[in-house]
């Protein structure tokens, strides 16, 4: 039973450490064309449901989203002029987010991935041609493939078999357009000048063979597909131009590229394309204005990490609830926080503009009050330190796991959390490491929780066994997982050191330095809080040991976040060894003290 319990504890720790691994750090040498940023965000699907296990790539730095759709890449290098965040998940269209890094330390993004199961699919013989017709409410977008269109497979070999086409129309008048759009609403025209865009229709499109292999258009083809892109009613009423630019993004670039023109025919724009990717019909603007403001709740508390929808654009509030965004000139824009971005509650949408080039306007937003979770990130001696904080919880409104995250510039953080939420996981990332706490909220007003993140220099941890099958002695030093904590219920301290087929599990009474007599579990039991008894269990290779005599010296016992260190020596036996061979066992340990259990 004792061995089973030990294995269960060990398995739990392996899972815990695996699920809370630190984001990958980038060791790229300094480059004047690059700057260091922390990139964070949330990924959802087309129904605003958080997406887990999405692959995220920023300039070669990779991670995946957690169950709440959140991701974090700390202190990585990005190009100074623009950044590109790539998102991939099997069964979904790719997407990217892009923009200029700005002056803040944290780049905050929100992105939606479209499930291909929600898209429209058709198939046809390559030499017969066909039409993909995508319905979206009262709108219909058609993509026509002529019968003389030539295809190649991914290696460039001509393809003449069955063609499978999958497409999804993104309505630019819909409230979630800024979530589902590709990249950002900025394009490069034929002169490579940067232009803010006003979109009138957008389309994700993928073409494969009948085995799912990617197909390309042969550039020598005598004809190419034609898109009849639907124009939403509200945008047609805004005097949609008779001619419009067509833009594409191949999910590998920060900005969309201008690739020709489309002409208005009835309620659609007609245009021809020469490759498959994300397409949009959009008007470029020669100038831009700036909208900025602060988002607070009705109690005056800043709302951090919330998405602000600004027409077809968006921004995410920073650690004090502020946002700022450049928008196209000469158009009216609705600004506000939507209900699915604030746990079922929203702000009043305010229509602003049209603006002149260079104009700056302030739009402050007030949201309904929720409960507040606040606290500080502190170091080993209790001083505030800057870092990144994430709170993950189960949202009873959306019946899904949600995450709020922000950069705590001065160490203090404050989250607005939905009412009736009483628990969650709070993680702080600072000084190259992380720490997780489990705060309690009252469901109405909230709660407070400080997080102590310490970086300590550990001493050596090793184990030596001699006698029996270990002869004159073997020493084991590889212990990648080290932890110690005080158990308040039993008034004992536990030290856990796990390595490659070598584990040490040490218990001793109390929470102070001193000398402790080691006893086997069948002898003198640990006396809770007495400060004089200890027990040491070991797993080495396939052997399970328990020390039945000896002495444990605890030489250092610091506060939470600092060190617990000591040495031990004595004798022990291997469970199940009928010869009752005695082994000489000694060791030393140096671990960081975790939160009391």
Protein backbone atom coordinates (compact mmCIF):
# COMPACT_ATOMS: atom_id res chain seq x y z
CA UNK A 1 0.00 0.00 0.00
CA UNK A 2 2.86 2.36 0.88
CA UNK A 3 4.49 1.84 -2.52
CA UNK A 4 1.19 2.41 -4.31
CA UNK A 5 0.63 5.70 -2.46
CA UNK A 6 4.14 6.85 -3.30
CA UNK A 7 3.68 6.00 -6.98
CA UNK A 8 0.37 7.85 -7.06
CA UNK A 9 1.97 10.95 -5.56
CA UNK A 10 4.80 10.71 -8.06
CA UNK A 11 2.37 10.31 -10.97
CA UNK A 12 0.41 13.34 -9.82
CA UNK A 13 3.56 15.45 -9.72
CA UNK A 14 4.61 14.33 -13.19
CA UNK A 15 1.21 15.39 -14.51
CA UNK A 16 1.31 18.68 -12.63
CA UNK A 17 4.76 19.57 -13.87
CA UNK A 18 3.83 18.54 -17.43
CA UNK A 19 0.71 20.70 -17.47
CA UNK A 20 2.44 23.74 -16.04
CA UNK A 21 5.62 23.79 -18.07
CA UNK A 22 7.19 27.16 -18.59
CA UNK A 23 6.82 28.80 -22.01
CA UNK A 24 9.81 28.31 -24.27
CA UNK A 25 12.48 31.00 -24.03
CA UNK A 26 14.31 32.33 -27.06
CA UNK A 27 18.10 32.53 -26.98
CA UNK A 28 18.41 34.39 -30.30
CA UNK A 29 21.43 36.75 -30.22
CA UNK A 30 20.74 40.48 -30.03
CA UNK A 31 19.85 41.99 -33.41
CA UNK A 32 19.13 45.69 -34.00
CA UNK A 33 16.27 44.74 -36.33
CA UNK A 34 14.51 42.81 -33.55
CA UNK A 35 13.08 43.69 -30.15
CA UNK A 36 12.03 41.62 -27.15
CA UNK A 37 8.31 41.25 -26.43
CA UNK A 38 5.91 39.04 -24.50
CA UNK A 39 3.14 37.74 -26.77
CA UNK A 40 -0.14 36.53 -25.27
CA UNK A 41 -3.67 35.94 -26.42
CA UNK A 42 -6.84 33.92 -26.66
CA UNK A 43 -7.97 31.61 -29.51
CA UNK A 44 -11.65 30.78 -30.11
CA UNK A 45 -13.67 29.16 -32.88
CA UNK A 46 -16.32 30.79 -35.05
CA UNK A 47 -18.84 30.37 -32.20
CA UNK A 48 -16.55 32.11 -29.68
CA UNK A 49 -15.78 28.83 -27.87
CA UNK A 50 -12.18 28.64 -26.56
CA UNK A 51 -9.92 26.31 -28.54
CA UNK A 52 -7.33 24.13 -26.82
CA UNK A 53 -4.23 22.57 -28.42
CA UNK A 54 -3.82 25.23 -31.11
CA UNK A 55 -0.22 25.47 -32.34
CA UNK A 56 1.09 29.04 -31.99
CA UNK A 57 4.27 30.25 -33.72
CA UNK A 58 5.90 33.66 -33.35
CA UNK A 59 9.18 34.08 -35.19
CA UNK A 60 10.09 30.42 -34.59
CA UNK A 61 9.01 30.43 -30.93
CA UNK A 62 6.22 27.92 -30.40
CA UNK A 63 3.64 26.94 -27.81
CA UNK A 64 0.07 25.60 -27.68
CA UNK A 65 -3.14 26.98 -26.20
CA UNK A 66 -4.51 25.59 -22.94
CA UNK A 67 -8.10 24.51 -22.20
CA UNK A 68 -9.19 28.15 -22.01
CA UNK A 69 -7.72 28.97 -25.43
CA UNK A 70 -4.95 31.04 -23.83
CA UNK A 71 -1.28 31.07 -24.79
CA UNK A 72 1.85 32.89 -23.65
CA UNK A 73 5.35 33.34 -25.08
CA UNK A 74 7.59 35.26 -22.67
CA UNK A 75 10.45 37.54 -23.70
CA UNK A 76 10.86 36.48 -27.32
CA UNK A 77 12.31 38.41 -30.24
CA UNK A 78 10.07 39.82 -32.97
CA UNK A 79 10.90 42.06 -35.95
CA UNK A 80 10.99 45.72 -34.96
CA UNK A 81 8.69 46.89 -37.78
CA UNK A 82 5.98 44.21 -37.54
CA UNK A 83 5.03 40.94 -35.86
CA UNK A 84 3.29 37.83 -37.17
CA UNK A 85 1.57 35.22 -34.97
CA UNK A 86 0.59 32.01 -36.80
CA UNK A 87 -2.15 29.66 -35.60
CA UNK A 88 -2.76 26.06 -36.73
CA UNK A 89 -5.06 23.26 -35.60
CA UNK A 90 -6.07 20.12 -37.47
CA UNK A 91 -9.55 20.46 -38.97
CA UNK A 92 -9.49 24.28 -38.95
CA UNK A 93 -8.46 26.95 -41.44
CA UNK A 94 -5.14 28.54 -40.56
CA UNK A 95 -5.09 32.13 -39.36
CA UNK A 96 -2.59 34.79 -38.39
CA UNK A 97 -2.49 37.95 -36.34
CA UNK A 98 -0.14 40.78 -37.18
CA UNK A 99 0.66 44.40 -36.53
CA UNK A 100 3.33 46.74 -35.27
CA UNK A 101 4.90 45.82 -31.90
CA UNK A 102 4.35 49.26 -30.31
CA UNK A 103 6.02 50.61 -27.20
CA UNK A 104 4.41 48.31 -24.60
CA UNK A 105 6.17 45.17 -23.40
CA UNK A 106 3.20 42.90 -24.14
CA UNK A 107 1.59 42.14 -27.50
CA UNK A 108 -2.03 41.09 -26.88
CA UNK A 109 -4.05 39.34 -29.59
CA UNK A 110 -7.43 37.67 -30.09
CA UNK A 111 -8.06 35.33 -33.01
CA UNK A 112 -10.76 33.01 -34.31
CA UNK A 113 -10.18 29.76 -36.20
CA UNK A 114 -12.94 28.50 -38.47
CA UNK A 115 -13.81 24.82 -38.15
CA UNK A 116 -13.84 23.27 -41.62
CA UNK A 117 -16.88 21.27 -40.51
CA UNK A 118 -18.73 24.62 -40.47
CA UNK A 119 -17.60 25.44 -44.01
CA UNK A 120 -19.14 24.48 -47.38
CA UNK A 121 -17.55 21.74 -49.49
CA UNK A 122 -18.04 20.53 -53.04
CA UNK A 123 -16.08 18.29 -55.39
CA UNK A 124 -15.80 17.75 -59.14
CA UNK A 125 -13.55 16.25 -61.78
CA UNK A 126 -10.68 18.56 -62.66
CA UNK A 127 -11.53 18.56 -66.40
CA UNK A 128 -15.24 19.14 -65.74
CA UNK A 129 -15.03 22.23 -63.53
CA UNK A 130 -17.54 23.15 -60.86
CA UNK A 131 -18.94 25.81 -58.54
CA UNK A 132 -18.71 26.18 -54.78
CA UNK A 133 -21.81 28.04 -53.54
CA UNK A 134 -21.58 29.36 -49.96
CA UNK A 135 -24.71 30.54 -48.24
CA UNK A 136 -24.52 32.91 -45.26
CA UNK A 137 -27.97 34.07 -44.19
CA UNK A 138 -29.42 35.91 -47.19
CA UNK A 139 -25.97 36.21 -48.78
CA UNK A 140 -24.51 33.86 -51.37
CA UNK A 141 -20.88 33.75 -52.47
CA UNK A 142 -19.96 31.61 -55.49
CA UNK A 143 -16.53 30.40 -56.58
CA UNK A 144 -16.51 29.08 -60.15
CA UNK A 145 -13.78 26.75 -61.43
CA UNK A 146 -13.63 26.53 -65.26
CA UNK A 147 -13.22 23.16 -66.98
CA UNK A 148 -9.89 24.13 -68.59
CA UNK A 149 -8.29 25.16 -65.28
CA UNK A 150 -4.99 23.34 -64.67
CA UNK A 151 -3.97 22.04 -61.22
CA UNK A 152 -0.72 20.75 -59.73
CA UNK A 153 -0.06 18.82 -56.55
CA UNK A 154 2.29 20.05 -53.83
CA UNK A 155 5.33 18.76 -55.75
CA UNK A 156 4.32 20.61 -58.94
CA UNK A 157 3.11 17.50 -60.80
CA UNK A 158 -0.01 18.08 -62.99
CA UNK A 159 -3.18 16.77 -61.33
CA UNK A 160 -6.28 15.61 -63.23
CA UNK A 161 -8.32 13.73 -60.64
CA UNK A 162 -11.12 14.76 -58.25
CA UNK A 163 -10.92 18.31 -56.88
CA UNK A 164 -12.34 19.03 -53.41
CA UNK A 165 -13.08 22.70 -52.58
CA UNK A 166 -13.88 23.98 -49.07
CA UNK A 167 -14.82 27.59 -48.37
CA UNK A 168 -16.15 29.81 -45.60
CA UNK A 169 -17.57 33.32 -46.10
CA UNK A 170 -16.74 35.84 -43.37
CA UNK A 171 -19.38 38.57 -43.12
CA UNK A 172 -17.56 41.89 -42.57
CA UNK A 173 -20.71 43.43 -41.09
CA UNK A 174 -20.92 40.74 -38.37
CA UNK A 175 -19.84 41.65 -34.85
CA UNK A 176 -17.26 38.86 -34.72
CA UNK A 177 -15.55 39.87 -37.98
CA UNK A 178 -12.51 41.27 -36.14
CA UNK A 179 -12.09 37.85 -34.49
CA UNK A 180 -12.35 35.78 -37.68
CA UNK A 181 -10.53 38.07 -40.11
CA UNK A 182 -7.08 37.07 -41.31
CA UNK A 183 -4.08 39.10 -40.12
CA UNK A 184 -5.19 42.69 -39.53
CA UNK A 185 -7.16 45.23 -41.54
CA UNK A 186 -4.03 46.62 -43.12
CA UNK A 187 -2.74 45.92 -46.62
CA UNK A 188 0.12 46.82 -48.91
CA UNK A 189 -0.86 48.33 -52.26
CA UNK A 190 1.04 48.00 -55.56
CA UNK A 191 3.58 50.60 -54.37
CA UNK A 192 4.01 48.68 -51.09
CA UNK A 193 2.45 51.57 -49.17
CA UNK A 194 0.59 50.59 -45.99
CA UNK A 195 -3.17 51.18 -46.17
CA UNK A 196 -5.94 50.70 -43.63
CA UNK A 197 -8.77 48.68 -45.20
CA UNK A 198 -12.57 48.75 -45.12
CA UNK A 199 -13.74 45.26 -46.08
CA UNK A 200 -16.91 44.41 -48.05
CA UNK A 201 -16.52 40.62 -48.15
CA UNK A 202 -14.00 37.93 -47.12
CA UNK A 203 -13.44 34.26 -47.90
CA UNK A 204 -11.36 31.36 -46.58
CA UNK A 205 -10.76 28.81 -49.34
CA UNK A 206 -8.91 25.49 -49.56
CA UNK A 207 -8.51 23.17 -52.56
CA UNK A 208 -7.29 19.57 -52.18
CA UNK A 209 -7.31 16.23 -53.97
CA UNK A 210 -9.64 13.48 -52.78
CA UNK A 211 -6.99 12.33 -50.26
CA UNK A 212 -6.63 15.74 -48.62
CA UNK A 213 -3.41 16.71 -50.40
CA UNK A 214 -3.04 20.42 -51.18
CA UNK A 215 -3.57 21.48 -54.79
CA UNK A 216 -2.25 24.62 -56.50
CA UNK A 217 -3.23 26.45 -59.64
CA UNK A 218 -0.87 25.92 -62.57
CA UNK A 219 0.37 29.42 -63.55
CA UNK A 220 0.24 28.33 -67.22
CA UNK A 221 -3.50 27.61 -66.97
CA UNK A 222 -5.56 29.28 -69.76
CA UNK A 223 -8.20 30.40 -67.23
CA UNK A 224 -8.66 30.87 -63.50
CA UNK A 225 -11.40 30.74 -60.83
CA UNK A 226 -13.89 33.57 -60.48
CA UNK A 227 -15.25 34.71 -57.11
CA UNK A 228 -18.66 36.34 -56.82
CA UNK A 229 -18.18 37.87 -53.35
CA UNK A 230 -21.38 38.79 -51.48
CA UNK A 231 -21.82 42.33 -50.13
CA UNK A 232 -23.80 42.56 -46.86
CA UNK A 233 -26.93 44.70 -46.95
CA UNK A 234 -25.63 47.25 -44.44
CA UNK A 235 -22.48 47.80 -46.50
CA UNK A 236 -24.36 48.06 -49.79
CA UNK A 237 -26.38 50.83 -48.17
CA UNK A 238 -23.09 52.58 -47.40
CA UNK A 239 -22.59 53.21 -51.12
CA UNK A 240 -20.26 50.31 -51.93
CA UNK A 241 -18.02 51.44 -54.80
CA UNK A 242 -18.58 50.09 -58.29
CA UNK A 243 -14.94 48.97 -58.48
CA UNK A 244 -12.93 47.59 -55.57
CA UNK A 245 -9.49 46.24 -54.79
CA UNK A 246 -9.00 42.51 -54.17
CA UNK A 247 -6.55 41.49 -51.42
CA UNK A 248 -5.05 38.16 -50.36
CA UNK A 249 -3.09 36.69 -47.47
CA UNK A 250 -1.40 33.30 -47.55
CA UNK A 251 -1.10 33.05 -43.71
CA UNK A 252 2.65 33.73 -43.96
CA UNK A 253 2.71 37.54 -44.12
CA UNK A 254 1.93 40.45 -41.80
CA UNK A 255 -0.17 42.39 -44.30
CA UNK A 256 -2.53 41.49 -47.13
CA UNK A 257 -1.41 42.22 -50.69
CA UNK A 258 -3.38 43.98 -53.39
CA UNK A 259 -3.92 41.57 -56.29
CA UNK A 260 -6.20 43.23 -58.79
CA UNK A 261 -9.72 44.63 -58.91
CA UNK A 262 -13.31 43.50 -58.67
CA UNK A 263 -16.42 45.02 -60.20
CA UNK A 264 -19.83 45.33 -58.59
CA UNK A 265 -22.54 43.28 -60.27
CA UNK A 266 -25.84 43.37 -58.41
CA UNK A 267 -25.23 42.45 -54.76
CA UNK A 268 -21.80 40.92 -55.35
CA UNK A 269 -18.28 41.81 -56.42
CA UNK A 270 -16.88 39.78 -59.32
CA UNK A 271 -13.15 39.10 -59.31
CA UNK A 272 -10.65 36.54 -60.59
CA UNK A 273 -7.98 34.87 -58.48
CA UNK A 274 -4.82 32.97 -59.35
CA UNK A 275 -4.18 31.06 -56.12
CA UNK A 276 -6.03 29.78 -53.05
CA UNK A 277 -5.82 31.57 -49.69
CA UNK A 278 -7.75 34.17 -47.71
CA UNK A 279 -9.37 36.72 -50.02
CA UNK A 280 -11.19 39.96 -49.33
CA UNK A 281 -12.67 42.81 -51.30
CA UNK A 282 -11.68 46.03 -49.53
CA UNK A 283 -11.24 49.77 -50.02
CA UNK A 284 -7.80 51.15 -49.03
CA UNK A 285 -7.62 54.45 -47.13
CA UNK A 286 -4.85 56.97 -47.68
CA UNK A 287 -5.12 58.30 -44.12
CA UNK A 288 -5.91 57.09 -40.62
CA UNK A 289 -7.09 58.40 -37.26
CA UNK A 290 -6.42 57.18 -33.72
CA UNK A 291 -8.99 56.03 -31.17
CA UNK A 292 -7.91 55.57 -27.58
CA UNK A 293 -9.56 55.29 -24.20
CA UNK A 294 -9.96 53.38 -20.97
CA UNK A 295 -12.34 50.56 -20.05
CA UNK A 296 -13.63 50.56 -16.47
CA UNK A 297 -16.51 48.91 -14.67
CA UNK A 298 -19.33 50.79 -12.97
CA UNK A 299 -17.26 50.92 -9.77
CA UNK A 300 -14.43 52.68 -11.58
CA UNK A 301 -12.13 49.63 -11.59
CA UNK A 302 -10.02 49.14 -14.76
CA UNK A 303 -10.94 46.11 -16.87
CA UNK A 304 -7.75 44.46 -18.14
CA UNK A 305 -7.30 42.04 -21.01
CA UNK A 306 -10.73 42.65 -22.54
CA UNK A 307 -11.25 42.90 -26.29
CA UNK A 308 -12.63 46.23 -27.55
CA UNK A 309 -14.35 45.95 -30.94
CA UNK A 310 -13.66 49.04 -33.08
CA UNK A 311 -15.57 48.64 -36.33
CA UNK A 312 -13.79 45.93 -38.31
CA UNK A 313 -10.77 46.32 -36.02
CA UNK A 314 -10.09 45.49 -32.37
CA UNK A 315 -7.77 46.24 -29.46
CA UNK A 316 -7.10 44.53 -26.11
CA UNK A 317 -6.85 46.58 -22.92
CA UNK A 318 -3.55 46.72 -21.06
CA UNK A 319 -2.73 46.30 -17.37
CA UNK A 320 -4.54 49.54 -16.43
CA UNK A 321 -7.51 49.06 -18.76
CA UNK A 322 -6.30 51.36 -21.55
CA UNK A 323 -6.41 50.73 -25.30
CA UNK A 324 -5.23 52.53 -28.44
CA UNK A 325 -5.72 51.77 -32.13
CA UNK A 326 -5.27 53.38 -35.55
CA UNK A 327 -8.39 53.21 -37.77
CA UNK A 328 -9.19 54.29 -41.34
CA UNK A 329 -10.23 57.87 -41.98
CA UNK A 330 -13.54 58.96 -43.58
CA UNK A 331 -15.71 56.13 -42.16
CA UNK A 332 -18.11 55.90 -39.22
CA UNK A 333 -17.06 53.31 -36.64
CA UNK A 334 -18.89 51.54 -33.78
CA UNK A 335 -16.84 51.14 -30.58
CA UNK A 336 -17.67 48.95 -27.58
CA UNK A 337 -17.22 45.66 -25.75
CA UNK A 338 -19.42 42.81 -26.97
CA UNK A 339 -21.19 40.34 -24.70
CA UNK A 340 -19.14 37.29 -25.70
CA UNK A 341 -15.97 39.21 -24.88
CA UNK A 342 -17.16 40.07 -21.34
CA UNK A 343 -18.85 36.92 -20.04
CA UNK A 344 -22.37 37.65 -21.28
CA UNK A 345 -22.41 41.39 -20.49
CA UNK A 346 -21.59 44.26 -22.80
CA UNK A 347 -21.17 48.01 -23.04
CA UNK A 348 -23.21 50.47 -25.06
CA UNK A 349 -21.95 50.60 -28.66
CA UNK A 350 -20.96 54.16 -29.58
CA UNK A 351 -20.73 55.29 -33.22
CA UNK A 352 -17.90 57.74 -33.85
CA UNK A 353 -16.39 59.43 -36.90
CA UNK A 354 -15.93 59.91 -39.75
CA UNK A 355 -12.45 61.14 -38.83
CA UNK A 356 -9.92 63.20 -40.72
CA UNK A 357 -6.40 61.95 -41.33
CA UNK A 358 -4.34 62.38 -38.15
CA UNK A 359 -7.32 63.03 -35.86
CA UNK A 360 -7.24 61.59 -32.32
CA UNK A 361 -10.41 60.81 -30.38
CA UNK A 362 -10.96 59.46 -26.86
CA UNK A 363 -13.71 56.88 -26.31
CA UNK A 364 -13.99 55.64 -22.72
CA UNK A 365 -16.12 52.56 -22.05
CA UNK A 366 -18.04 51.54 -18.93
CA UNK A 367 -18.96 47.92 -18.25
CA UNK A 368 -21.20 46.35 -15.60
CA UNK A 369 -19.37 45.65 -12.34
CA UNK A 370 -18.23 42.14 -11.50
CA UNK A 371 -16.23 40.74 -8.62
CA UNK A 372 -12.56 41.67 -8.36
CA UNK A 373 -9.57 39.37 -7.96
CA UNK A 374 -6.46 41.36 -7.11
CA UNK A 375 -3.03 40.96 -5.61
CA UNK A 376 0.69 41.28 -6.21
CA UNK A 377 3.58 39.33 -7.66
CA UNK A 378 6.34 39.40 -5.05
CA UNK A 379 9.87 38.06 -4.81
CA UNK A 380 11.44 36.00 -2.04
CA UNK A 381 11.60 38.96 0.34
CA UNK A 382 8.09 40.22 -0.41
CA UNK A 383 8.87 43.09 -2.80
CA UNK A 384 6.71 43.64 -5.89
CA UNK A 385 8.19 42.49 -9.19
CA UNK A 386 6.84 42.85 -12.72
CA UNK A 387 5.52 39.79 -14.49
CA UNK A 388 2.69 38.20 -16.39
CA UNK A 389 -0.47 36.95 -14.65
CA UNK A 390 -3.16 34.57 -15.93
CA UNK A 391 -6.37 33.53 -14.18
CA UNK A 392 -8.19 30.49 -15.60
CA UNK A 393 -11.67 29.55 -14.42
CA UNK A 394 -14.85 27.77 -15.46
CA UNK A 395 -17.37 30.35 -16.65
CA UNK A 396 -20.95 29.38 -15.67
CA UNK A 397 -22.32 31.77 -18.31
CA UNK A 398 -20.63 30.19 -21.35
CA UNK A 399 -20.12 26.74 -19.77
CA UNK A 400 -16.49 26.81 -20.87
CA UNK A 401 -13.06 27.45 -19.38
CA UNK A 402 -12.00 31.07 -19.79
CA UNK A 403 -8.77 32.93 -19.17
CA UNK A 404 -7.96 36.52 -18.26
CA UNK A 405 -4.34 37.52 -18.64
CA UNK A 406 -2.28 40.67 -18.36
CA UNK A 407 1.20 42.04 -17.91
CA UNK A 408 1.61 43.31 -14.34
CA UNK A 409 4.11 46.08 -15.01
CA UNK A 410 4.57 47.10 -11.39
CA UNK A 411 3.76 43.75 -9.84
CA UNK A 412 0.12 44.54 -8.99
CA UNK A 413 -2.76 42.99 -10.88
CA UNK A 414 -6.56 43.27 -10.78
CA UNK A 415 -9.01 41.11 -12.74
CA UNK A 416 -12.75 41.55 -13.16
CA UNK A 417 -14.21 38.06 -12.80
CA UNK A 418 -17.83 36.99 -13.47
CA UNK A 419 -20.15 36.72 -10.50
CA UNK A 420 -20.68 33.26 -8.99
CA UNK A 421 -17.14 32.15 -9.90
CA UNK A 422 -15.54 30.99 -6.63
CA UNK A 423 -12.32 29.27 -7.71
CA UNK A 424 -9.75 29.02 -10.46
CA UNK A 425 -6.04 28.77 -11.23
CA UNK A 426 -3.84 31.85 -10.89
CA UNK A 427 -0.37 31.67 -12.45
CA UNK A 428 2.36 34.31 -12.41
CA UNK A 429 5.37 34.26 -14.74
CA UNK A 430 8.41 36.28 -13.64
CA UNK A 431 12.19 36.03 -13.45
CA UNK A 432 12.22 33.14 -15.90
CA UNK A 433 10.00 30.90 -13.80
CA UNK A 434 6.35 30.57 -12.78
CA UNK A 435 4.20 30.00 -9.73
CA UNK A 436 0.58 28.83 -9.43
CA UNK A 437 -1.91 29.55 -6.67
CA UNK A 438 -5.56 28.60 -6.19
CA UNK A 439 -7.38 31.70 -4.88
CA UNK A 440 -10.80 31.59 -3.28
CA UNK A 441 -13.42 34.14 -4.33
CA UNK A 442 -16.72 34.79 -2.58
CA UNK A 443 -18.66 34.92 -5.88
CA UNK A 444 -19.90 38.49 -5.27
CA UNK A 445 -17.06 40.84 -4.32
CA UNK A 446 -14.05 38.70 -5.19
CA UNK A 447 -10.87 38.08 -3.24
CA UNK A 448 -7.14 38.75 -3.01
CA UNK A 449 -4.14 36.54 -3.68
CA UNK A 450 -0.45 37.40 -3.72
CA UNK A 451 1.91 35.14 -5.64
CA UNK A 452 5.50 34.70 -4.53
CA UNK A 453 7.85 33.96 -7.42
CA UNK A 454 11.39 33.23 -6.28
CA UNK A 455 14.50 32.31 -8.16
CA UNK A 456 16.88 30.58 -5.76
CA UNK A 457 20.24 28.93 -6.27
CA UNK A 458 19.83 25.29 -5.28
CA UNK A 459 22.63 23.34 -3.65
CA UNK A 460 23.51 19.73 -4.53
CA UNK A 461 20.96 16.92 -4.19
CA UNK A 462 22.33 13.39 -4.29
CA UNK A 463 21.96 9.87 -2.91
CA UNK A 464 24.63 7.22 -2.14
CA UNK A 465 23.88 3.53 -1.42
CA UNK A 466 26.43 0.81 -0.59
CA UNK A 467 26.17 -2.86 0.35
CA UNK A 468 24.35 -5.81 -1.18
CA UNK A 469 23.69 -5.37 -4.90
CA UNK A 470 25.36 -1.91 -4.79
CA UNK A 471 28.73 -3.22 -3.59
CA UNK A 472 31.15 -0.51 -2.48
CA UNK A 473 28.67 2.20 -3.35
CA UNK A 474 26.71 3.97 -6.10
CA UNK A 475 25.91 7.69 -6.16
CA UNK A 476 22.86 9.20 -7.90
CA UNK A 477 22.71 12.94 -8.68
CA UNK A 478 20.16 13.43 -11.47
CA UNK A 479 17.01 14.85 -9.84
CA UNK A 480 15.26 17.19 -12.31
CA UNK A 481 12.17 17.61 -10.09
CA UNK A 482 12.69 19.01 -6.58
CA UNK A 483 10.03 20.26 -4.17
CA UNK A 484 9.43 20.74 -0.47
CA UNK A 485 6.44 22.03 1.47
CA UNK A 486 4.90 22.09 4.93
CA UNK A 487 1.71 20.09 5.49
CA UNK A 488 -0.34 22.07 8.01
CA UNK A 489 -2.82 19.28 8.82
CA UNK A 490 -0.14 16.79 9.92
CA UNK A 491 2.42 19.42 11.04
CA UNK A 492 5.08 17.74 8.91
CA UNK A 493 7.38 18.73 6.07
CA UNK A 494 7.67 16.64 2.91
CA UNK A 495 10.67 16.70 0.56
CA UNK A 496 10.24 15.13 -2.89
CA UNK A 497 13.20 14.59 -5.24
CA UNK A 498 12.47 12.78 -8.49
CA UNK A 499 15.03 11.69 -11.05
CA UNK A 500 15.67 9.13 -13.72
CA UNK A 501 14.59 5.93 -11.95
CA UNK A 502 15.76 7.45 -8.65
CA UNK A 503 13.32 9.02 -6.19
CA UNK A 504 13.68 10.31 -2.62
CA UNK A 505 10.66 10.95 -0.43
CA UNK A 506 11.51 12.49 2.95
CA UNK A 507 9.18 13.35 5.82
CA UNK A 508 10.08 15.05 9.08
CA UNK A 509 8.11 16.61 11.92
CA UNK A 510 7.60 20.35 12.15
CA UNK A 511 8.91 23.24 10.06
CA UNK A 512 12.31 24.10 11.55
CA UNK A 513 15.95 23.18 11.30
CA UNK A 514 17.33 20.54 13.64
CA UNK A 515 18.30 16.92 14.11
CA UNK A 516 15.72 14.18 13.48
CA UNK A 517 15.87 10.46 14.20
CA UNK A 518 14.97 8.34 11.18
CA UNK A 519 12.52 5.49 11.83
CA UNK A 520 10.88 2.99 9.51
CA UNK A 521 7.12 3.19 9.22
CA UNK A 522 6.78 -0.01 11.20
CA UNK A 523 8.78 1.35 14.10
CA UNK A 524 8.30 4.68 15.88
CA UNK A 525 5.70 6.69 13.95
CA UNK A 526 6.18 10.33 13.05
CA UNK A 527 5.04 12.51 15.93
CA UNK A 528 3.20 15.45 14.40
CA UNK A 529 4.95 18.71 15.18
CA UNK A 530 7.40 17.13 17.61
CA UNK A 531 10.42 18.17 15.56
CA UNK A 532 12.43 15.02 16.32
CA UNK A 533 11.35 12.16 14.01
CA UNK A 534 11.76 11.54 10.26
CA UNK A 535 11.11 8.88 7.59
CA UNK A 536 12.98 8.35 4.30
CA UNK A 537 11.63 6.19 1.43
CA UNK A 538 13.64 5.56 -1.75
CA UNK A 539 13.09 4.07 -5.19
CA UNK A 540 16.30 3.23 -7.02
CA UNK A 541 16.10 1.37 -10.32
CA UNK A 542 13.49 -1.30 -9.50
CA UNK A 543 14.30 -1.45 -5.79
CA UNK A 544 12.16 0.09 -3.08
CA UNK A 545 14.02 1.06 0.08
CA UNK A 546 13.00 2.31 3.48
CA UNK A 547 15.55 3.56 5.96
CA UNK A 548 14.98 1.96 9.37
CA UNK A 549 17.58 3.92 11.33
CA UNK A 550 19.77 6.96 11.02
CA UNK A 551 19.82 10.72 11.43
CA UNK A 552 18.41 13.58 9.35
CA UNK A 553 20.01 17.02 9.71
CA UNK A 554 17.90 19.96 8.42
CA UNK A 555 20.42 22.78 8.06
CA UNK A 556 18.22 25.40 6.37
CA UNK A 557 14.45 25.99 6.50
CA UNK A 558 13.44 29.22 4.77
CA UNK A 559 10.19 30.99 4.05
CA UNK A 560 7.97 29.95 1.13
CA UNK A 561 9.99 30.45 -2.04
CA UNK A 562 13.40 30.00 -0.42
CA UNK A 563 15.42 26.90 0.47
CA UNK A 564 15.00 23.78 2.59
CA UNK A 565 18.33 21.95 2.82
CA UNK A 566 19.78 19.07 4.77
CA UNK A 567 21.64 15.75 4.89
CA UNK A 568 20.84 12.25 6.12
CA UNK A 569 22.64 8.96 6.76
CA UNK A 570 21.80 5.57 8.18
CA UNK A 571 20.76 2.09 7.12
CA UNK A 572 17.84 0.58 5.27
CA UNK A 573 16.50 -2.52 3.55
CA UNK A 574 14.91 -3.39 0.24
CA UNK A 575 11.25 -4.33 0.57
CA UNK A 576 10.73 -8.01 -0.19
CA UNK A 577 14.38 -8.94 0.35
CA UNK A 578 14.12 -12.13 2.45
CA UNK A 579 17.82 -11.93 3.30
CA UNK A 580 17.14 -8.69 5.18
CA UNK A 581 20.40 -7.27 3.82
CA UNK A 582 21.28 -3.92 5.41
CA UNK A 583 22.39 -1.10 3.10
CA UNK A 584 24.30 2.02 4.10
CA UNK A 585 22.41 5.03 2.78
CA UNK A 586 23.33 8.70 2.81
CA UNK A 587 22.25 11.77 0.92
CA UNK A 588 21.78 15.51 0.78
CA UNK A 589 18.96 17.67 -0.52
CA UNK A 590 18.38 21.30 -1.53
CA UNK A 591 14.85 22.21 -2.65
CA UNK A 592 12.72 25.31 -3.01
CA UNK A 593 9.97 25.55 -0.44
CA UNK A 594 6.53 25.59 -2.02
CA UNK A 595 3.22 26.85 -0.70
CA UNK A 596 2.02 25.17 2.49
CA UNK A 597 -0.43 22.35 1.78
